[in-house]
Amino acid sequence: MLDRDGFRPNVGIVLLNQKNQVFWGKRIRTHSWQFPQGGIDRGETPEQAMIRELHEEVGLQREHVRIVARTRDWLRYEVPDRYIRRDARGHYKGQKQIWFLLQLVGHDWDLNLRATEHPEFDAWRWNDYWVPLEAVVEFKRGVYEMALTELARYLPRNDQRLRFMRQDRRGPDQAGDLEVEPLDGPITLPPGGSYTPMGDGFTPT
């Protein structure tokens, strides 16, 4: 299902744990890492598609998550011709996406990469919110940065490092009433800053 401009409607999912780290999945049989995403079927709303894709790609049900926010408008990326099937070239241009920010209210063991017969990922880990975009296929990086930037304002305020980053990105004149407490050790900055990996890696058995 394409729109008149050649973009397929799609949803993207940023899944948070209680530390405001995000689910980061390795595409099956590749070295590319990404967020869960998938197409919107005819007759589905973006939220219905998100719930379906959440189960198909990471094995979670609606009761395992809380919807925190979504992007206001469609975010688009074009797919290079070499990634497009020959029979789709000329009319398929890329994806337009609504991104959802979800909070996991279940447990890590509720995640299941093999919930269907056609898994999308073969490994996963929790990663700092500002994921290393060099690990993402190049043509998706701009959309990732736009989605993360728009959704960052809705992050639960239970992580001092993320509170610091939100204030830093808005600038001192727009910080509002945020309190910033002294920090010990390294902090993770938005794209363009330094990056310190965190979280454990998981591989399905």
C-alpha atoms as a PDB file:
ATOM      1  CA  MET A   1       0.000   0.000   0.000  1.00  0.00           C
ATOM      2  CA  LEU A   2       1.690   3.162  -1.250  1.00  0.00           C
ATOM      3  CA  ASP A   3       0.602   6.780  -1.095  1.00  0.00           C
ATOM      4  CA  ARG A   4       0.502   8.862  -4.264  1.00  0.00           C
ATOM      5  CA  ASP A   5       4.127   9.929  -3.756  1.00  0.00           C
ATOM      6  CA  GLY A   6       5.392   6.348  -3.577  1.00  0.00           C
ATOM      7  CA  PHE A   7       5.883   6.078   0.201  1.00  0.00           C
ATOM      8  CA  ARG A   8       4.641   3.089   2.174  1.00  0.00           C
ATOM      9  CA  PRO A   9       2.969   3.911   5.546  1.00  0.00           C
ATOM     10  CA  ASN A  10       5.003   2.445   8.371  1.00  0.00           C
ATOM     11  CA  VAL A  11       5.467   2.598  12.150  1.00  0.00           C
ATOM     12  CA  GLY A  12       8.667   2.770  14.180  1.00  0.00           C
ATOM     13  CA  ILE A  13       9.008   1.783  17.843  1.00  0.00           C
ATOM     14  CA  VAL A  14      11.320   3.208  20.503  1.00  0.00           C
ATOM     15  CA  LEU A  15      10.937   0.882  23.497  1.00  0.00           C
ATOM     16  CA  LEU A  16      12.233   2.087  26.877  1.00  0.00           C
ATOM     17  CA  ASN A  17      13.141   0.112  29.980  1.00  0.00           C
ATOM     18  CA  GLN A  18      12.961   1.566  33.500  1.00  0.00           C
ATOM     19  CA  LYS A  19      16.423   3.133  33.077  1.00  0.00           C
ATOM     20  CA  ASN A  20      15.348   4.989  29.927  1.00  0.00           C
ATOM     21  CA  GLN A  21      17.532   2.727  27.829  1.00  0.00           C
ATOM     22  CA  VAL A  22      16.125   1.645  24.464  1.00  0.00           C
ATOM     23  CA  PHE A  23      15.651  -1.716  22.790  1.00  0.00           C
ATOM     24  CA  TRP A  24      18.253  -2.116  20.062  1.00  0.00           C
ATOM     25  CA  GLY A  25      17.853  -5.101  17.721  1.00  0.00           C
ATOM     26  CA  LYS A  26      20.362  -6.662  15.301  1.00  0.00           C
ATOM     27  CA  ARG A  27      18.760  -7.492  11.973  1.00  0.00           C
ATOM     28  CA  ILE A  28      18.886 -11.199  11.325  1.00  0.00           C
ATOM     29  CA  ARG A  29      22.057 -12.360   9.542  1.00  0.00           C
ATOM     30  CA  THR A  30      23.449  -8.803   9.225  1.00  0.00           C
ATOM     31  CA  HIS A  31      25.621  -6.429  11.245  1.00  0.00           C
ATOM     32  CA  SER A  32      22.989  -3.655  11.204  1.00  0.00           C
ATOM     33  CA  TRP A  33      21.165  -2.577  14.368  1.00  0.00           C
ATOM     34  CA  GLN A  34      17.831  -0.800  14.436  1.00  0.00           C
ATOM     35  CA  PHE A  35      14.557  -0.143  16.230  1.00  0.00           C
ATOM     36  CA  PRO A  36      11.516  -2.338  15.525  1.00  0.00           C
ATOM     37  CA  GLN A  37       9.444  -1.085  12.592  1.00  0.00           C
ATOM     38  CA  GLY A  38       6.934  -2.393  10.090  1.00  0.00           C
ATOM     39  CA  GLY A  39       4.286  -1.534   7.531  1.00  0.00           C
ATOM     40  CA  ILE A  40       0.734  -0.411   8.210  1.00  0.00           C
ATOM     41  CA  ASP A  41      -1.731  -2.802   6.586  1.00  0.00           C
ATOM     42  CA  ARG A  42      -4.828  -1.592   4.788  1.00  0.00           C
ATOM     43  CA  GLY A  43      -7.550  -0.741   7.305  1.00  0.00           C
ATOM     44  CA  GLU A  44      -5.128  -0.456  10.259  1.00  0.00           C
ATOM     45  CA  THR A  45      -4.494   2.660  12.309  1.00  0.00           C
ATOM     46  CA  PRO A  46      -0.861   3.457  13.169  1.00  0.00           C
ATOM     47  CA  GLU A  47      -1.484   2.348  16.767  1.00  0.00           C
ATOM     48  CA  GLN A  48      -2.987  -0.979  15.666  1.00  0.00           C
ATOM     49  CA  ALA A  49      -0.021  -1.572  13.355  1.00  0.00           C
ATOM     50  CA  MET A  50       2.401  -0.718  16.159  1.00  0.00           C
ATOM     51  CA  ILE A  51       0.807  -3.252  18.525  1.00  0.00           C
ATOM     52  CA  ARG A  52       0.917  -5.944  15.835  1.00  0.00           C
ATOM     53  CA  GLU A  53       4.537  -5.213  14.923  1.00  0.00           C
ATOM     54  CA  LEU A  54       5.508  -5.123  18.599  1.00  0.00           C
ATOM     55  CA  HIS A  55       4.394  -8.719  18.926  1.00  0.00           C
ATOM     56  CA  GLU A  56       5.717  -9.921  15.578  1.00  0.00           C
ATOM     57  CA  GLU A  57       9.196  -8.433  16.019  1.00  0.00           C
ATOM     58  CA  VAL A  58       9.893  -8.585  19.777  1.00  0.00           C
ATOM     59  CA  GLY A  59       7.159 -10.853  21.161  1.00  0.00           C
ATOM     60  CA  LEU A  60       5.445  -8.298  23.417  1.00  0.00           C
ATOM     61  CA  GLN A  61       1.699  -7.879  23.923  1.00  0.00           C
ATOM     62  CA  ARG A  62      -0.221  -4.635  24.528  1.00  0.00           C
ATOM     63  CA  GLU A  63      -0.273  -5.243  28.290  1.00  0.00           C
ATOM     64  CA  HIS A  64       3.539  -5.298  28.398  1.00  0.00           C
ATOM     65  CA  VAL A  65       3.909  -1.636  27.410  1.00  0.00           C
ATOM     66  CA  ARG A  66       2.630   1.858  28.129  1.00  0.00           C
ATOM     67  CA  ILE A  67       2.307   4.282  25.207  1.00  0.00           C
ATOM     68  CA  VAL A  68       4.196   7.437  26.207  1.00  0.00           C
ATOM     69  CA  ALA A  69       4.061   9.502  23.005  1.00  0.00           C
ATOM     70  CA  ARG A  70       4.092   9.443  19.212  1.00  0.00           C
ATOM     71  CA  THR A  71       5.460  11.734  16.541  1.00  0.00           C
ATOM     72  CA  ARG A  72       3.052  14.397  15.383  1.00  0.00           C
ATOM     73  CA  ASP A  73       3.572  13.974  11.638  1.00  0.00           C
ATOM     74  CA  TRP A  74       4.938  11.430   9.164  1.00  0.00           C
ATOM     75  CA  LEU A  75       8.729  11.165   8.987  1.00  0.00           C
ATOM     76  CA  ARG A  76      10.009  10.045   5.576  1.00  0.00           C
ATOM     77  CA  TYR A  77      13.083   8.386   4.177  1.00  0.00           C
ATOM     78  CA  GLU A  78      13.890   7.328   0.633  1.00  0.00           C
ATOM     79  CA  VAL A  79      15.286   3.873  -0.127  1.00  0.00           C
ATOM     80  CA  PRO A  80      18.185   3.670  -2.622  1.00  0.00           C
ATOM     81  CA  ASP A  81      17.413   1.742  -5.810  1.00  0.00           C
ATOM     82  CA  ARG A  82      19.847  -1.050  -4.941  1.00  0.00           C
ATOM     83  CA  TYR A  83      17.628  -1.977  -1.964  1.00  0.00           C
ATOM     84  CA  ILE A  84      14.393  -1.980  -3.988  1.00  0.00           C
ATOM     85  CA  ARG A  85      13.077  -5.017  -5.854  1.00  0.00           C
ATOM     86  CA  ARG A  86      13.236  -4.555  -9.602  1.00  0.00           C
ATOM     87  CA  ASP A  87       9.488  -4.894 -10.023  1.00  0.00           C
ATOM     88  CA  ALA A  88       8.933  -2.049  -7.509  1.00  0.00           C
ATOM     89  CA  ARG A  89      11.418   0.418  -8.977  1.00  0.00           C
ATOM     90  CA  GLY A  90       9.851   3.485 -10.488  1.00  0.00           C
ATOM     91  CA  HIS A  91       6.820   3.596  -8.200  1.00  0.00           C
ATOM     92  CA  TYR A  92       8.144   2.651  -4.729  1.00  0.00           C
ATOM     93  CA  LYS A  93      10.164   5.501  -3.203  1.00  0.00           C
ATOM     94  CA  GLY A  94      10.535   4.741   0.491  1.00  0.00           C
ATOM     95  CA  GLN A  95       8.802   4.784   3.874  1.00  0.00           C
ATOM     96  CA  LYS A  96       6.764   7.352   5.763  1.00  0.00           C
ATOM     97  CA  GLN A  97       6.629   6.587   9.466  1.00  0.00           C
ATOM     98  CA  ILE A  98       4.794   7.421  12.663  1.00  0.00           C
ATOM     99  CA  TRP A  99       7.123   6.736  15.599  1.00  0.00           C
ATOM    100  CA  PHE A 100       5.898   5.581  19.026  1.00  0.00           C
ATOM    101  CA  LEU A 101       7.708   5.930  22.340  1.00  0.00           C
ATOM    102  CA  LEU A 102       6.784   3.005  24.624  1.00  0.00           C
ATOM    103  CA  GLN A 103       7.664   2.174  28.232  1.00  0.00           C
ATOM    104  CA  LEU A 104       8.140  -1.504  29.065  1.00  0.00           C
ATOM    105  CA  VAL A 105       5.987  -2.365  32.077  1.00  0.00           C
ATOM    106  CA  GLY A 106       6.666  -6.082  31.748  1.00  0.00           C
ATOM    107  CA  HIS A 107      10.021  -7.820  32.159  1.00  0.00           C
ATOM    108  CA  ASP A 108      13.031  -8.536  29.994  1.00  0.00           C
ATOM    109  CA  TRP A 109      12.011 -12.181  29.835  1.00  0.00           C
ATOM    110  CA  ASP A 110       8.757 -11.173  28.105  1.00  0.00           C
ATOM    111  CA  LEU A 111      10.801 -10.254  25.028  1.00  0.00           C
ATOM    112  CA  ASN A 112      10.855 -13.021  22.427  1.00  0.00           C
ATOM    113  CA  LEU A 113      12.583 -12.567  19.069  1.00  0.00           C
ATOM    114  CA  ARG A 114      11.077 -15.825  17.807  1.00  0.00           C
ATOM    115  CA  ALA A 115       7.428 -15.070  18.389  1.00  0.00           C
ATOM    116  CA  THR A 116       6.740 -15.747  14.686  1.00  0.00           C
ATOM    117  CA  GLU A 117       8.179 -18.024  12.016  1.00  0.00           C
ATOM    118  CA  HIS A 118       9.903 -15.095  10.311  1.00  0.00           C
ATOM    119  CA  PRO A 119      12.009 -13.271  12.934  1.00  0.00           C
ATOM    120  CA  GLU A 120      13.428  -9.833  12.126  1.00  0.00           C
ATOM    121  CA  PHE A 121      16.216  -9.838  14.735  1.00  0.00           C
ATOM    122  CA  ASP A 122      18.693 -12.451  15.947  1.00  0.00           C
ATOM    123  CA  ALA A 123      20.088 -10.506  18.947  1.00  0.00           C
ATOM    124  CA  TRP A 124      19.143  -7.527  21.100  1.00  0.00           C
ATOM    125  CA  ARG A 125      20.424  -5.281  23.873  1.00  0.00           C
ATOM    126  CA  TRP A 126      19.474  -2.262  25.944  1.00  0.00           C
ATOM    127  CA  ASN A 127      21.293   0.847  24.742  1.00  0.00           C
ATOM    128  CA  ASP A 128      21.523   4.465  25.846  1.00  0.00           C
ATOM    129  CA  TYR A 129      18.725   6.603  24.379  1.00  0.00           C
ATOM    130  CA  TRP A 130      20.995   8.387  21.893  1.00  0.00           C
ATOM    131  CA  VAL A 131      21.908   5.299  19.917  1.00  0.00           C
ATOM    132  CA  PRO A 132      25.085   5.250  17.778  1.00  0.00           C
ATOM    133  CA  LEU A 133      23.683   6.124  14.363  1.00  0.00           C
ATOM    134  CA  GLU A 134      26.709   4.736  12.536  1.00  0.00           C
ATOM    135  CA  ALA A 135      25.286   1.276  13.339  1.00  0.00           C
ATOM    136  CA  VAL A 136      22.099   2.129  11.402  1.00  0.00           C
ATOM    137  CA  VAL A 137      21.866   1.689   7.624  1.00  0.00           C
ATOM    138  CA  GLU A 138      22.796   5.064   6.175  1.00  0.00           C
ATOM    139  CA  PHE A 139      19.511   6.028   4.510  1.00  0.00           C
ATOM    140  CA  LYS A 140      17.587   5.689   7.810  1.00  0.00           C
ATOM    141  CA  ARG A 141      19.882   7.814   9.986  1.00  0.00           C
ATOM    142  CA  GLY A 142      18.135  11.131   9.364  1.00  0.00           C
ATOM    143  CA  VAL A 143      14.729   9.739  10.347  1.00  0.00           C
ATOM    144  CA  TYR A 144      16.220   8.155  13.477  1.00  0.00           C
ATOM    145  CA  GLU A 145      17.675  11.461  14.586  1.00  0.00           C
ATOM    146  CA  MET A 146      14.402  13.299  13.907  1.00  0.00           C
ATOM    147  CA  ALA A 147      12.342  10.701  15.785  1.00  0.00           C
ATOM    148  CA  LEU A 148      14.662  10.557  18.799  1.00  0.00           C
ATOM    149  CA  THR A 149      14.830  14.347  18.987  1.00  0.00           C
ATOM    150  CA  GLU A 150      11.044  14.819  18.830  1.00  0.00           C
ATOM    151  CA  LEU A 151      10.311  12.059  21.353  1.00  0.00           C
ATOM    152  CA  ALA A 152      13.080  12.998  23.822  1.00  0.00           C
ATOM    153  CA  ARG A 153      10.875  15.648  25.458  1.00  0.00           C
ATOM    154  CA  TYR A 154       8.518  12.897  26.650  1.00  0.00           C
ATOM    155  CA  LEU A 155      11.129  10.736  28.378  1.00  0.00           C
ATOM    156  CA  PRO A 156      10.154   9.810  31.950  1.00  0.00           C
ATOM    157  CA  ARG A 157      12.166  11.995  34.309  1.00  0.00           C
ATOM    158  CA  ASN A 158      13.742   9.230  36.334  1.00  0.00           C
ATOM    159  CA  ASP A 159      17.251   9.400  34.847  1.00  0.00           C
ATOM    160  CA  GLN A 160      19.424  12.382  35.732  1.00  0.00           C
ATOM    161  CA  ARG A 161      21.669  12.020  32.687  1.00  0.00           C
ATOM    162  CA  LEU A 162      18.701  12.254  30.312  1.00  0.00           C
ATOM    163  CA  ARG A 163      17.362  15.284  32.193  1.00  0.00           C
ATOM    164  CA  PHE A 164      20.729  16.939  31.701  1.00  0.00           C
ATOM    165  CA  MET A 165      20.691  16.139  27.971  1.00  0.00           C
ATOM    166  CA  ARG A 166      17.217  17.593  27.486  1.00  0.00           C
ATOM    167  CA  GLN A 167      18.276  20.860  29.071  1.00  0.00           C
ATOM    168  CA  ASP A 168      21.543  20.963  27.136  1.00  0.00           C
ATOM    169  CA  ARG A 169      19.784  20.452  23.762  1.00  0.00           C
ATOM    170  CA  ARG A 170      17.256  23.224  24.401  1.00  0.00           C
ATOM    171  CA  GLY A 171      19.825  25.745  25.561  1.00  0.00           C
ATOM    172  CA  PRO A 172      20.084  27.687  28.851  1.00  0.00           C
ATOM    173  CA  ASP A 173      17.381  30.209  27.917  1.00  0.00           C
ATOM    174  CA  GLN A 174      14.795  27.465  27.285  1.00  0.00           C
ATOM    175  CA  ALA A 175      15.565  25.146  30.173  1.00  0.00           C
ATOM    176  CA  GLY A 176      12.451  26.099  32.119  1.00  0.00           C
ATOM    177  CA  ASP A 177      12.209  24.732  35.638  1.00  0.00           C
ATOM    178  CA  LEU A 178      14.381  21.653  35.150  1.00  0.00           C
ATOM    179  CA  GLU A 179      16.732  21.012  38.018  1.00  0.00           C
ATOM    180  CA  VAL A 180      20.117  19.604  37.069  1.00  0.00           C
ATOM    181  CA  GLU A 181      21.930  17.748  39.805  1.00  0.00           C
ATOM    182  CA  PRO A 182      25.723  17.184  39.843  1.00  0.00           C
ATOM    183  CA  LEU A 183      26.718  14.102  37.893  1.00  0.00           C
ATOM    184  CA  ASP A 184      29.414  11.558  38.628  1.00  0.00           C
ATOM    185  CA  GLY A 185      31.198   9.788  35.777  1.00  0.00           C
ATOM    186  CA  PRO A 186      30.636  10.102  32.010  1.00  0.00           C
ATOM    187  CA  ILE A 187      27.357  11.170  30.465  1.00  0.00           C
ATOM    188  CA  THR A 188      25.913  10.247  27.089  1.00  0.00           C
ATOM    189  CA  LEU A 189      25.416  13.112  24.667  1.00  0.00           C
ATOM    190  CA  PRO A 190      23.216  13.508  21.568  1.00  0.00           C
ATOM    191  CA  PRO A 191      24.559  12.725  18.087  1.00  0.00           C
ATOM    192  CA  GLY A 192      27.813  14.575  17.575  1.00  0.00           C
ATOM    193  CA  GLY A 193      28.904  14.141  21.199  1.00  0.00           C
ATOM    194  CA  SER A 194      30.835  11.366  22.880  1.00  0.00           C
ATOM    195  CA  TYR A 195      29.219   7.982  23.342  1.00  0.00           C
ATOM    196  CA  THR A 196      29.690   5.548  26.222  1.00  0.00           C
ATOM    197  CA  PRO A 197      28.042   2.139  25.591  1.00  0.00           C
ATOM    198  CA  MET A 198      25.853   0.773  28.351  1.00  0.00           C
ATOM    199  CA  GLY A 199      23.603  -2.212  28.911  1.00  0.00           C
ATOM    200  CA  ASP A 200      24.014  -5.924  28.417  1.00  0.00           C
ATOM    201  CA  GLY A 201      23.790  -7.798  25.164  1.00  0.00           C
ATOM    202  CA  PHE A 202      21.358 -10.653  24.657  1.00  0.00           C
ATOM    203  CA  THR A 203      21.289 -13.399  22.091  1.00  0.00           C
ATOM    204  CA  PRO A 204      18.281 -15.761  21.851  1.00  0.00           C
ATOM    205  CA  THR A 205      18.851 -19.418  22.641  1.00  0.00           C
END
